[in-house]
Amino acid sequence: MGRTGAIESKRIKIRAKKVEVIAELDNSDTSQSVMESLPAQATANLWGDEIYFTLPVECCQTNMQEVVEMGDIGYWVPGQAMCLFFGPTPASRGDEIRPASKVHVFGKIVGDPTVLRAVGEGEQLTLERA
């Protein structure tokens, strides 16, 4: 059987004024860098149904995607930003969720990601281990 069993997950909590979500991260180098940067404070930027914020961590550039799924968490290399996707963006075509450019997907929001619609532009975010 070896080491092919369940992979240990990493969980973080992302809090804003009215909202708190739990995110489950994969075992990529990006996830490890994010975990090592915690606790952290960030300022929310909105782009359609996406929240992004600067989090200058090392990002591996595998699993780069032009289209993501509801609840995905990605890292946008050009902006050194972590992105939370909960619906269409200005770049989306139809019902797809499309980042500004490819992102490294490294996690998923646990539960309903649309609660993030309550977060306002410029709102303070707190990230910590869950």
Protein backbone atom coordinates (compact mmCIF):
# COMPACT_ATOMS: atom_id res chain seq x y z
CA MET A 1 0.00 0.00 0.00
CA GLY A 2 2.89 2.40 0.67
CA ARG A 3 2.20 6.11 0.98
CA THR A 4 -0.75 6.31 -1.38
CA GLY A 5 -3.34 6.69 1.42
CA ALA A 6 -5.17 9.85 2.33
CA ILE A 7 -3.13 13.02 2.12
CA GLU A 8 -3.21 15.21 5.20
CA SER A 9 -5.10 18.40 4.48
CA LYS A 10 -4.28 21.92 5.62
CA ARG A 11 -7.13 24.15 6.78
CA ILE A 12 -7.21 27.91 7.19
CA LYS A 13 -9.83 30.36 8.44
CA ILE A 14 -10.51 33.56 6.50
CA ARG A 15 -12.45 36.22 8.43
CA ALA A 16 -14.01 39.52 7.42
CA LYS A 17 -16.46 41.77 9.31
CA LYS A 18 -19.59 39.70 8.62
CA VAL A 19 -18.18 36.46 7.22
CA GLU A 20 -15.91 33.60 8.17
CA VAL A 21 -15.01 30.71 5.87
CA ILE A 22 -12.84 27.66 6.23
CA ALA A 23 -10.61 26.68 3.33
CA GLU A 24 -8.94 23.36 2.73
CA LEU A 25 -5.59 23.60 0.99
CA ASP A 26 -3.77 20.92 -0.99
CA ASN A 27 -0.22 19.76 -0.35
CA SER A 28 1.50 21.98 -2.90
CA ASP A 29 4.47 24.23 -2.17
CA THR A 30 2.09 27.19 -2.49
CA SER A 31 -0.09 25.84 0.32
CA GLN A 32 2.98 25.32 2.47
CA SER A 33 4.10 28.92 1.84
CA VAL A 34 0.63 30.22 2.73
CA MET A 35 0.57 28.18 5.95
CA GLU A 36 4.01 29.52 6.92
CA SER A 37 2.83 33.12 6.34
CA LEU A 38 -0.04 32.81 8.86
CA PRO A 39 -1.43 34.58 10.74
CA ALA A 40 -1.78 37.37 8.18
CA GLN A 41 -3.83 40.50 7.52
CA ALA A 42 -4.91 41.56 4.04
CA THR A 43 -7.18 44.05 2.30
CA ALA A 44 -10.00 42.70 0.13
CA ASN A 45 -10.16 43.72 -3.52
CA LEU A 46 -13.26 42.75 -5.50
CA TRP A 47 -13.45 41.76 -9.15
CA GLY A 48 -16.94 40.49 -9.88
CA ASP A 49 -17.53 37.47 -7.62
CA GLU A 50 -13.85 37.16 -6.78
CA ILE A 51 -12.00 38.47 -3.75
CA TYR A 52 -8.27 38.86 -4.20
CA PHE A 53 -5.63 40.20 -1.86
CA THR A 54 -1.89 40.54 -1.80
CA LEU A 55 -0.14 37.69 -0.04
CA PRO A 56 3.49 37.64 -1.20
CA VAL A 57 4.36 33.96 -0.89
CA GLU A 58 6.22 31.50 -3.07
CA CYS A 59 3.94 29.99 -5.70
CA CYS A 60 4.55 26.86 -7.66
CA GLN A 61 3.26 27.25 -11.21
CA THR A 62 1.65 23.85 -11.63
CA ASN A 63 -2.09 23.28 -11.93
CA MET A 64 -2.44 26.66 -13.68
CA GLN A 65 -6.03 27.15 -14.84
CA GLU A 66 -7.80 29.68 -17.08
CA VAL A 67 -11.22 28.65 -15.76
CA VAL A 68 -11.90 27.69 -12.13
CA GLU A 69 -14.77 26.22 -10.15
CA MET A 70 -17.06 27.77 -7.55
CA GLY A 71 -15.20 27.86 -4.23
CA ASP A 72 -11.72 27.39 -5.70
CA ILE A 73 -8.79 29.20 -4.14
CA GLY A 74 -6.05 30.26 -6.51
CA TYR A 75 -2.82 32.19 -6.53
CA TRP A 76 -2.45 34.86 -9.21
CA VAL A 77 1.29 35.16 -9.83
CA PRO A 78 1.36 38.58 -11.63
CA GLY A 79 -0.40 40.27 -8.70
CA GLN A 80 1.15 38.18 -5.91
CA ALA A 81 -2.43 37.63 -4.84
CA MET A 82 -4.53 34.91 -3.29
CA CYS A 83 -7.95 34.69 -4.98
CA LEU A 84 -11.25 33.37 -3.65
CA PHE A 85 -13.74 32.51 -6.40
CA PHE A 86 -17.48 32.46 -5.67
CA GLY A 87 -19.07 33.33 -9.01
CA PRO A 88 -18.51 34.98 -12.38
CA THR A 89 -15.87 37.66 -12.92
CA PRO A 90 -15.81 40.42 -15.56
CA ALA A 91 -13.77 38.04 -17.76
CA SER A 92 -16.27 35.17 -17.50
CA ARG A 93 -18.10 33.90 -20.55
CA GLY A 94 -21.54 32.50 -19.76
CA ASP A 95 -21.64 30.67 -16.44
CA GLU A 96 -17.90 29.97 -16.22
CA ILE A 97 -15.65 31.47 -13.57
CA ARG A 98 -12.62 33.00 -15.29
CA PRO A 99 -9.71 34.75 -13.52
CA ALA A 100 -7.97 37.75 -15.10
CA SER A 101 -5.24 35.31 -16.20
CA LYS A 102 -4.22 31.78 -15.23
CA VAL A 103 -4.08 31.01 -11.52
CA HIS A 104 -2.52 28.17 -9.58
CA VAL A 105 -5.47 26.40 -7.90
CA PHE A 106 -4.38 25.12 -4.49
CA GLY A 107 -7.47 24.92 -2.33
CA LYS A 108 -11.24 24.97 -1.91
CA ILE A 109 -13.64 26.79 0.38
CA VAL A 110 -15.53 24.40 2.64
CA GLY A 111 -19.28 24.99 2.49
CA ASP A 112 -21.07 27.75 0.58
CA PRO A 113 -18.57 30.19 -0.95
CA THR A 114 -21.31 32.68 -1.93
CA VAL A 115 -21.34 33.99 1.67
CA LEU A 116 -18.26 35.95 0.51
CA ARG A 117 -20.61 38.34 -1.33
CA ALA A 118 -20.99 40.09 2.05
CA VAL A 119 -17.33 41.21 1.95
CA GLY A 120 -16.84 44.81 0.85
CA GLU A 121 -14.08 46.44 -1.20
CA GLY A 122 -11.21 47.47 1.08
CA GLU A 123 -12.45 45.38 4.01
CA GLN A 124 -9.80 43.97 6.34
CA LEU A 125 -9.31 40.19 6.16
CA THR A 126 -7.64 37.98 8.75
CA LEU A 127 -6.13 34.64 7.74
CA GLU A 128 -5.12 32.06 10.34
CA ARG A 129 -4.74 28.33 10.79
CA ALA A 130 -8.04 26.56 11.46
